[in-house]
Amino acid sequence: MDNKLLRKRLEKKLIEENVFWSYDKSSIVIIPDDVLIEKVLLHLDIEDVLSLFLIFPKKEIKKVWQEIVLPREPLYHNINRLYAFLLFDIKHPDRYIRYYKNKHIKSIV
């Protein structure tokens, strides 16, 4: 499947899931890459998450996960463990998550 078509399919699914409920409807014309990745990671099925890897490089997806999703611990702890192990081949997910959580806290303080 073409990357543009795949991206449009993901965007459509996110809109159908009402993920952008707080956005002005007219502002949803172009969804930035990082927002698309974040919303797919948080709101769609694993099949859709895996399709992200057909559109974006693994490095970019991991960066969004580390900077946006991981700091939301413990709310998304189970999903973070799954992604760490399944998508990013991290051998010790709990240790890795704790490290990034602490790193984020230190950057704020």
C-alpha atoms as a PDB file:
ATOM      1  CA  MET A   1       0.000   0.000   0.000  1.00  0.00           C
ATOM      2  CA  ASP A   2       1.188   3.485  -0.836  1.00  0.00           C
ATOM      3  CA  ASN A   3       2.493   5.525   2.126  1.00  0.00           C
ATOM      4  CA  LYS A   4       0.099   8.398   1.430  1.00  0.00           C
ATOM      5  CA  LEU A   5      -2.882   6.066   1.344  1.00  0.00           C
ATOM      6  CA  LEU A   6      -1.754   4.354   4.516  1.00  0.00           C
ATOM      7  CA  ARG A   7      -1.312   7.691   6.257  1.00  0.00           C
ATOM      8  CA  LYS A   8      -4.778   8.836   5.125  1.00  0.00           C
ATOM      9  CA  ARG A   9      -6.253   5.575   6.436  1.00  0.00           C
ATOM     10  CA  LEU A  10      -4.635   6.137   9.847  1.00  0.00           C
ATOM     11  CA  GLU A  11      -5.786   9.757   9.933  1.00  0.00           C
ATOM     12  CA  LYS A  12      -9.330   8.680   9.070  1.00  0.00           C
ATOM     13  CA  LYS A  13      -9.308   6.069  11.839  1.00  0.00           C
ATOM     14  CA  LEU A  14      -8.108   8.627  14.371  1.00  0.00           C
ATOM     15  CA  ILE A  15     -10.851  11.042  13.355  1.00  0.00           C
ATOM     16  CA  GLU A  16     -13.445   8.254  13.561  1.00  0.00           C
ATOM     17  CA  GLU A  17     -12.187   7.397  17.049  1.00  0.00           C
ATOM     18  CA  ASN A  18     -12.771  11.041  17.956  1.00  0.00           C
ATOM     19  CA  VAL A  19      -9.155  11.422  19.062  1.00  0.00           C
ATOM     20  CA  PHE A  20      -9.108  15.057  17.999  1.00  0.00           C
ATOM     21  CA  TRP A  21     -12.184  16.026  20.007  1.00  0.00           C
ATOM     22  CA  SER A  22     -10.432  19.065  21.485  1.00  0.00           C
ATOM     23  CA  TYR A  23      -9.188  20.386  18.140  1.00  0.00           C
ATOM     24  CA  ASP A  24     -10.979  22.861  15.947  1.00  0.00           C
ATOM     25  CA  LYS A  25     -12.372  20.773  13.066  1.00  0.00           C
ATOM     26  CA  SER A  26     -10.962  23.150  10.455  1.00  0.00           C
ATOM     27  CA  SER A  27      -7.444  22.755  11.875  1.00  0.00           C
ATOM     28  CA  ILE A  28      -7.349  19.010  11.171  1.00  0.00           C
ATOM     29  CA  VAL A  29      -6.418  19.475   7.529  1.00  0.00           C
ATOM     30  CA  ILE A  30      -2.769  18.495   7.968  1.00  0.00           C
ATOM     31  CA  ILE A  31      -1.723  16.379  10.935  1.00  0.00           C
ATOM     32  CA  PRO A  32       1.973  16.773  11.792  1.00  0.00           C
ATOM     33  CA  ASP A  33       4.053  13.587  11.785  1.00  0.00           C
ATOM     34  CA  ASP A  34       4.781  13.629  15.514  1.00  0.00           C
ATOM     35  CA  VAL A  35       1.094  14.108  16.394  1.00  0.00           C
ATOM     36  CA  LEU A  36       0.062  11.312  14.046  1.00  0.00           C
ATOM     37  CA  ILE A  37       2.617   8.941  15.552  1.00  0.00           C
ATOM     38  CA  GLU A  38       1.649   9.877  19.114  1.00  0.00           C
ATOM     39  CA  LYS A  39      -2.085   9.454  18.529  1.00  0.00           C
ATOM     40  CA  VAL A  40      -1.670   6.131  16.721  1.00  0.00           C
ATOM     41  CA  LEU A  41       0.557   4.806  19.513  1.00  0.00           C
ATOM     42  CA  LEU A  42      -1.972   5.816  22.147  1.00  0.00           C
ATOM     43  CA  HIS A  43      -5.324   5.177  20.492  1.00  0.00           C
ATOM     44  CA  LEU A  44      -5.212   2.604  17.704  1.00  0.00           C
ATOM     45  CA  ASP A  45      -4.693  -1.146  17.484  1.00  0.00           C
ATOM     46  CA  ILE A  46      -1.330  -2.872  17.239  1.00  0.00           C
ATOM     47  CA  GLU A  47      -1.948  -3.521  13.527  1.00  0.00           C
ATOM     48  CA  ASP A  48      -2.193   0.222  12.958  1.00  0.00           C
ATOM     49  CA  VAL A  49       0.856   0.851  15.138  1.00  0.00           C
ATOM     50  CA  LEU A  50       2.843  -1.612  13.048  1.00  0.00           C
ATOM     51  CA  SER A  51       1.739   0.183   9.884  1.00  0.00           C
ATOM     52  CA  LEU A  52       3.500   3.302  11.217  1.00  0.00           C
ATOM     53  CA  PHE A  53       6.775   1.495  10.479  1.00  0.00           C
ATOM     54  CA  LEU A  54       5.846   1.411   6.801  1.00  0.00           C
ATOM     55  CA  ILE A  55       5.440   5.197   6.767  1.00  0.00           C
ATOM     56  CA  PHE A  56       8.125   6.448   9.177  1.00  0.00           C
ATOM     57  CA  PRO A  57      11.603   5.294  10.144  1.00  0.00           C
ATOM     58  CA  LYS A  58      11.844   3.341  13.387  1.00  0.00           C
ATOM     59  CA  LYS A  59      14.110   6.037  14.835  1.00  0.00           C
ATOM     60  CA  GLU A  60      11.425   8.723  14.401  1.00  0.00           C
ATOM     61  CA  ILE A  61       8.693   6.569  15.969  1.00  0.00           C
ATOM     62  CA  LYS A  62      10.951   5.725  18.899  1.00  0.00           C
ATOM     63  CA  LYS A  63      11.784   9.397  19.428  1.00  0.00           C
ATOM     64  CA  VAL A  64       8.093  10.340  19.638  1.00  0.00           C
ATOM     65  CA  TRP A  65       7.476   7.426  21.987  1.00  0.00           C
ATOM     66  CA  GLN A  66      10.376   8.466  24.246  1.00  0.00           C
ATOM     67  CA  GLU A  67       9.562  12.178  24.300  1.00  0.00           C
ATOM     68  CA  ILE A  68       5.768  12.166  24.370  1.00  0.00           C
ATOM     69  CA  VAL A  69       4.371   8.802  25.449  1.00  0.00           C
ATOM     70  CA  LEU A  70       6.944   7.582  27.993  1.00  0.00           C
ATOM     71  CA  PRO A  71       6.714  10.691  30.211  1.00  0.00           C
ATOM     72  CA  ARG A  72       3.030   9.911  30.735  1.00  0.00           C
ATOM     73  CA  GLU A  73       3.923   7.128  33.125  1.00  0.00           C
ATOM     74  CA  PRO A  74       2.247   5.430  34.952  1.00  0.00           C
ATOM     75  CA  LEU A  75      -0.925   6.076  32.951  1.00  0.00           C
ATOM     76  CA  TYR A  76       0.366   4.137  29.932  1.00  0.00           C
ATOM     77  CA  HIS A  77       2.723   1.769  31.738  1.00  0.00           C
ATOM     78  CA  ASN A  78       1.429  -1.470  30.222  1.00  0.00           C
ATOM     79  CA  ILE A  79       1.399  -0.119  26.692  1.00  0.00           C
ATOM     80  CA  ASN A  80       4.895   1.334  27.196  1.00  0.00           C
ATOM     81  CA  ARG A  81       6.154  -2.072  28.323  1.00  0.00           C
ATOM     82  CA  LEU A  82       4.581  -3.700  25.286  1.00  0.00           C
ATOM     83  CA  TYR A  83       6.078  -1.191  22.861  1.00  0.00           C
ATOM     84  CA  ALA A  84       9.496  -1.344  24.514  1.00  0.00           C
ATOM     85  CA  PHE A  85       9.610  -5.114  24.198  1.00  0.00           C
ATOM     86  CA  LEU A  86       7.732  -5.691  20.957  1.00  0.00           C
ATOM     87  CA  LEU A  87       8.578  -2.688  18.772  1.00  0.00           C
ATOM     88  CA  PHE A  88      11.937  -1.454  19.998  1.00  0.00           C
ATOM     89  CA  ASP A  89      13.628  -4.718  21.109  1.00  0.00           C
ATOM     90  CA  ILE A  90      14.408  -3.431  24.600  1.00  0.00           C
ATOM     91  CA  LYS A  91      15.518  -6.312  26.795  1.00  0.00           C
ATOM     92  CA  HIS A  92      14.615  -4.756  30.180  1.00  0.00           C
ATOM     93  CA  PRO A  93      11.523  -2.620  29.550  1.00  0.00           C
ATOM     94  CA  ASP A  94      10.847  -1.678  33.179  1.00  0.00           C
ATOM     95  CA  ARG A  95      14.391  -0.428  33.717  1.00  0.00           C
ATOM     96  CA  TYR A  96      14.335   1.463  30.426  1.00  0.00           C
ATOM     97  CA  ILE A  97      10.977   3.091  31.210  1.00  0.00           C
ATOM     98  CA  ARG A  98      12.135   4.096  34.683  1.00  0.00           C
ATOM     99  CA  TYR A  99      15.292   5.650  33.201  1.00  0.00           C
ATOM    100  CA  TYR A 100      13.362   7.774  30.687  1.00  0.00           C
ATOM    101  CA  LYS A 101      10.755   8.734  33.253  1.00  0.00           C
ATOM    102  CA  ASN A 102      13.484   9.950  35.630  1.00  0.00           C
ATOM    103  CA  LYS A 103      15.272  11.718  32.779  1.00  0.00           C
ATOM    104  CA  HIS A 104      12.082  13.572  31.910  1.00  0.00           C
ATOM    105  CA  ILE A 105      11.499  14.578  35.537  1.00  0.00           C
ATOM    106  CA  LYS A 106      15.080  15.894  35.828  1.00  0.00           C
ATOM    107  CA  SER A 107      14.630  17.947  32.659  1.00  0.00           C
ATOM    108  CA  ILE A 108      11.594  19.631  34.178  1.00  0.00           C
ATOM    109  CA  VAL A 109      13.237  20.395  37.514  1.00  0.00           C
END
